[in-house]
Amino acid sequence: MQEGAQETKAVVEGEGVEGEEEATEPQPKEVVYNTDIRKALKEELANIYKEAEHCRAMLRHDDETLHLFLSRPTTFL
């Protein structure tokens, strides 16, 4: 966390059950802290980077295969 940054929290309203006409009791609120949100976003970003690297590797492989095919087409026949 950055120096001097204060911990804040977001309060998320609980949702009722589908098909329920009126809530008989107030739904509990879920408290989500910024650090939890940041951690989840960092994990998601890491997964995106891993997937992007995998895609780049597959494209490089496809590019190398295409280059080989174009340079020696009879090899693949």
C-alpha atoms as a PDB file:
ATOM      1  CA  MET A   1       0.000   0.000   0.000  1.00  0.00           C
ATOM      2  CA  GLN A   2       1.292   3.517  -0.678  1.00  0.00           C
ATOM      3  CA  GLU A   3       2.625   5.579   2.182  1.00  0.00           C
ATOM      4  CA  GLY A   4       0.038   7.911   3.602  1.00  0.00           C
ATOM      5  CA  ALA A   5      -2.802   6.141   1.822  1.00  0.00           C
ATOM      6  CA  GLN A   6      -5.722   5.424   4.071  1.00  0.00           C
ATOM      7  CA  GLU A   7      -7.540   2.117   4.084  1.00  0.00           C
ATOM      8  CA  THR A   8     -11.047   2.584   2.772  1.00  0.00           C
ATOM      9  CA  LYS A   9     -13.871   0.162   2.363  1.00  0.00           C
ATOM     10  CA  ALA A  10     -16.841  -0.266   0.077  1.00  0.00           C
ATOM     11  CA  VAL A  11     -20.149  -1.458   1.416  1.00  0.00           C
ATOM     12  CA  VAL A  12     -22.060  -3.687  -0.962  1.00  0.00           C
ATOM     13  CA  GLU A  13     -25.799  -4.071  -0.513  1.00  0.00           C
ATOM     14  CA  GLY A  14     -26.976  -7.676  -0.189  1.00  0.00           C
ATOM     15  CA  GLU A  15     -29.287  -8.842  -2.966  1.00  0.00           C
ATOM     16  CA  GLY A  16     -32.572 -10.602  -2.391  1.00  0.00           C
ATOM     17  CA  VAL A  17     -33.439 -14.060  -3.645  1.00  0.00           C
ATOM     18  CA  GLU A  18     -34.800 -14.235  -7.208  1.00  0.00           C
ATOM     19  CA  GLY A  19     -38.552 -14.448  -7.371  1.00  0.00           C
ATOM     20  CA  GLU A  20     -38.939 -12.957  -3.920  1.00  0.00           C
ATOM     21  CA  GLU A  21     -41.564 -10.215  -3.971  1.00  0.00           C
ATOM     22  CA  GLU A  22     -40.520  -8.317  -0.847  1.00  0.00           C
ATOM     23  CA  ALA A  23     -37.650  -8.877   1.515  1.00  0.00           C
ATOM     24  CA  THR A  24     -39.020  -9.660   4.957  1.00  0.00           C
ATOM     25  CA  GLU A  25     -35.676  -8.959   6.622  1.00  0.00           C
ATOM     26  CA  PRO A  26     -32.947  -6.556   5.584  1.00  0.00           C
ATOM     27  CA  GLN A  27     -30.147  -8.378   3.792  1.00  0.00           C
ATOM     28  CA  PRO A  28     -26.687  -8.290   5.414  1.00  0.00           C
ATOM     29  CA  LYS A  29     -24.110  -5.964   3.898  1.00  0.00           C
ATOM     30  CA  GLU A  30     -20.768  -7.275   2.723  1.00  0.00           C
ATOM     31  CA  VAL A  31     -17.719  -5.141   3.472  1.00  0.00           C
ATOM     32  CA  VAL A  32     -15.025  -5.244   0.796  1.00  0.00           C
ATOM     33  CA  TYR A  33     -11.720  -3.561   1.601  1.00  0.00           C
ATOM     34  CA  ASN A  34      -9.613  -1.865  -1.074  1.00  0.00           C
ATOM     35  CA  THR A  35      -6.703  -4.205  -0.333  1.00  0.00           C
ATOM     36  CA  ASP A  36      -8.927  -7.197  -1.149  1.00  0.00           C
ATOM     37  CA  ILE A  37      -9.979  -5.561  -4.405  1.00  0.00           C
ATOM     38  CA  ARG A  38      -6.368  -4.713  -5.291  1.00  0.00           C
ATOM     39  CA  LYS A  39      -5.248  -8.270  -4.558  1.00  0.00           C
ATOM     40  CA  ALA A  40      -8.006  -9.726  -6.755  1.00  0.00           C
ATOM     41  CA  LEU A  41      -7.178  -7.297  -9.575  1.00  0.00           C
ATOM     42  CA  LYS A  42      -3.458  -8.134  -9.373  1.00  0.00           C
ATOM     43  CA  GLU A  43      -4.249 -11.852  -9.591  1.00  0.00           C
ATOM     44  CA  GLU A  44      -6.548 -11.283 -12.568  1.00  0.00           C
ATOM     45  CA  LEU A  45      -3.921  -9.135 -14.297  1.00  0.00           C
ATOM     46  CA  ALA A  46      -1.285 -11.837 -13.725  1.00  0.00           C
ATOM     47  CA  ASN A  47      -3.616 -14.397 -15.327  1.00  0.00           C
ATOM     48  CA  ILE A  48      -4.158 -12.085 -18.307  1.00  0.00           C
ATOM     49  CA  TYR A  49      -0.388 -11.672 -18.761  1.00  0.00           C
ATOM     50  CA  LYS A  50       0.108 -15.452 -18.607  1.00  0.00           C
ATOM     51  CA  GLU A  51      -2.591 -15.985 -21.235  1.00  0.00           C
ATOM     52  CA  ALA A  52      -1.123 -13.244 -23.445  1.00  0.00           C
ATOM     53  CA  GLU A  53       2.346 -14.826 -23.246  1.00  0.00           C
ATOM     54  CA  HIS A  54       0.858 -18.202 -24.166  1.00  0.00           C
ATOM     55  CA  CYS A  55      -0.879 -16.631 -27.183  1.00  0.00           C
ATOM     56  CA  ARG A  56       2.357 -14.922 -28.266  1.00  0.00           C
ATOM     57  CA  ALA A  57       4.226 -18.231 -28.045  1.00  0.00           C
ATOM     58  CA  MET A  58       1.561 -19.974 -30.136  1.00  0.00           C
ATOM     59  CA  LEU A  59       1.703 -17.199 -32.751  1.00  0.00           C
ATOM     60  CA  ARG A  60       5.510 -17.439 -32.909  1.00  0.00           C
ATOM     61  CA  HIS A  61       5.215 -21.192 -33.409  1.00  0.00           C
ATOM     62  CA  ASP A  62       2.589 -20.730 -36.138  1.00  0.00           C
ATOM     63  CA  ASP A  63       4.749 -18.066 -37.791  1.00  0.00           C
ATOM     64  CA  GLU A  64       7.791 -20.368 -37.778  1.00  0.00           C
ATOM     65  CA  THR A  65       5.716 -23.216 -39.215  1.00  0.00           C
ATOM     66  CA  LEU A  66       4.333 -20.967 -41.957  1.00  0.00           C
ATOM     67  CA  HIS A  67       7.824 -19.725 -42.779  1.00  0.00           C
ATOM     68  CA  LEU A  68       9.086 -23.319 -43.069  1.00  0.00           C
ATOM     69  CA  PHE A  69       6.121 -24.260 -45.253  1.00  0.00           C
ATOM     70  CA  LEU A  70       6.657 -21.309 -47.582  1.00  0.00           C
ATOM     71  CA  SER A  71      10.396 -21.926 -47.843  1.00  0.00           C
ATOM     72  CA  ARG A  72      10.044 -25.690 -48.499  1.00  0.00           C
ATOM     73  CA  PRO A  73       6.456 -26.557 -49.451  1.00  0.00           C
ATOM     74  CA  THR A  74       7.322 -30.075 -50.654  1.00  0.00           C
ATOM     75  CA  THR A  75       8.470 -31.039 -47.135  1.00  0.00           C
ATOM     76  CA  PHE A  76       4.880 -30.856 -45.900  1.00  0.00           C
ATOM     77  CA  LEU A  77       3.304 -32.782 -48.766  1.00  0.00           C
END
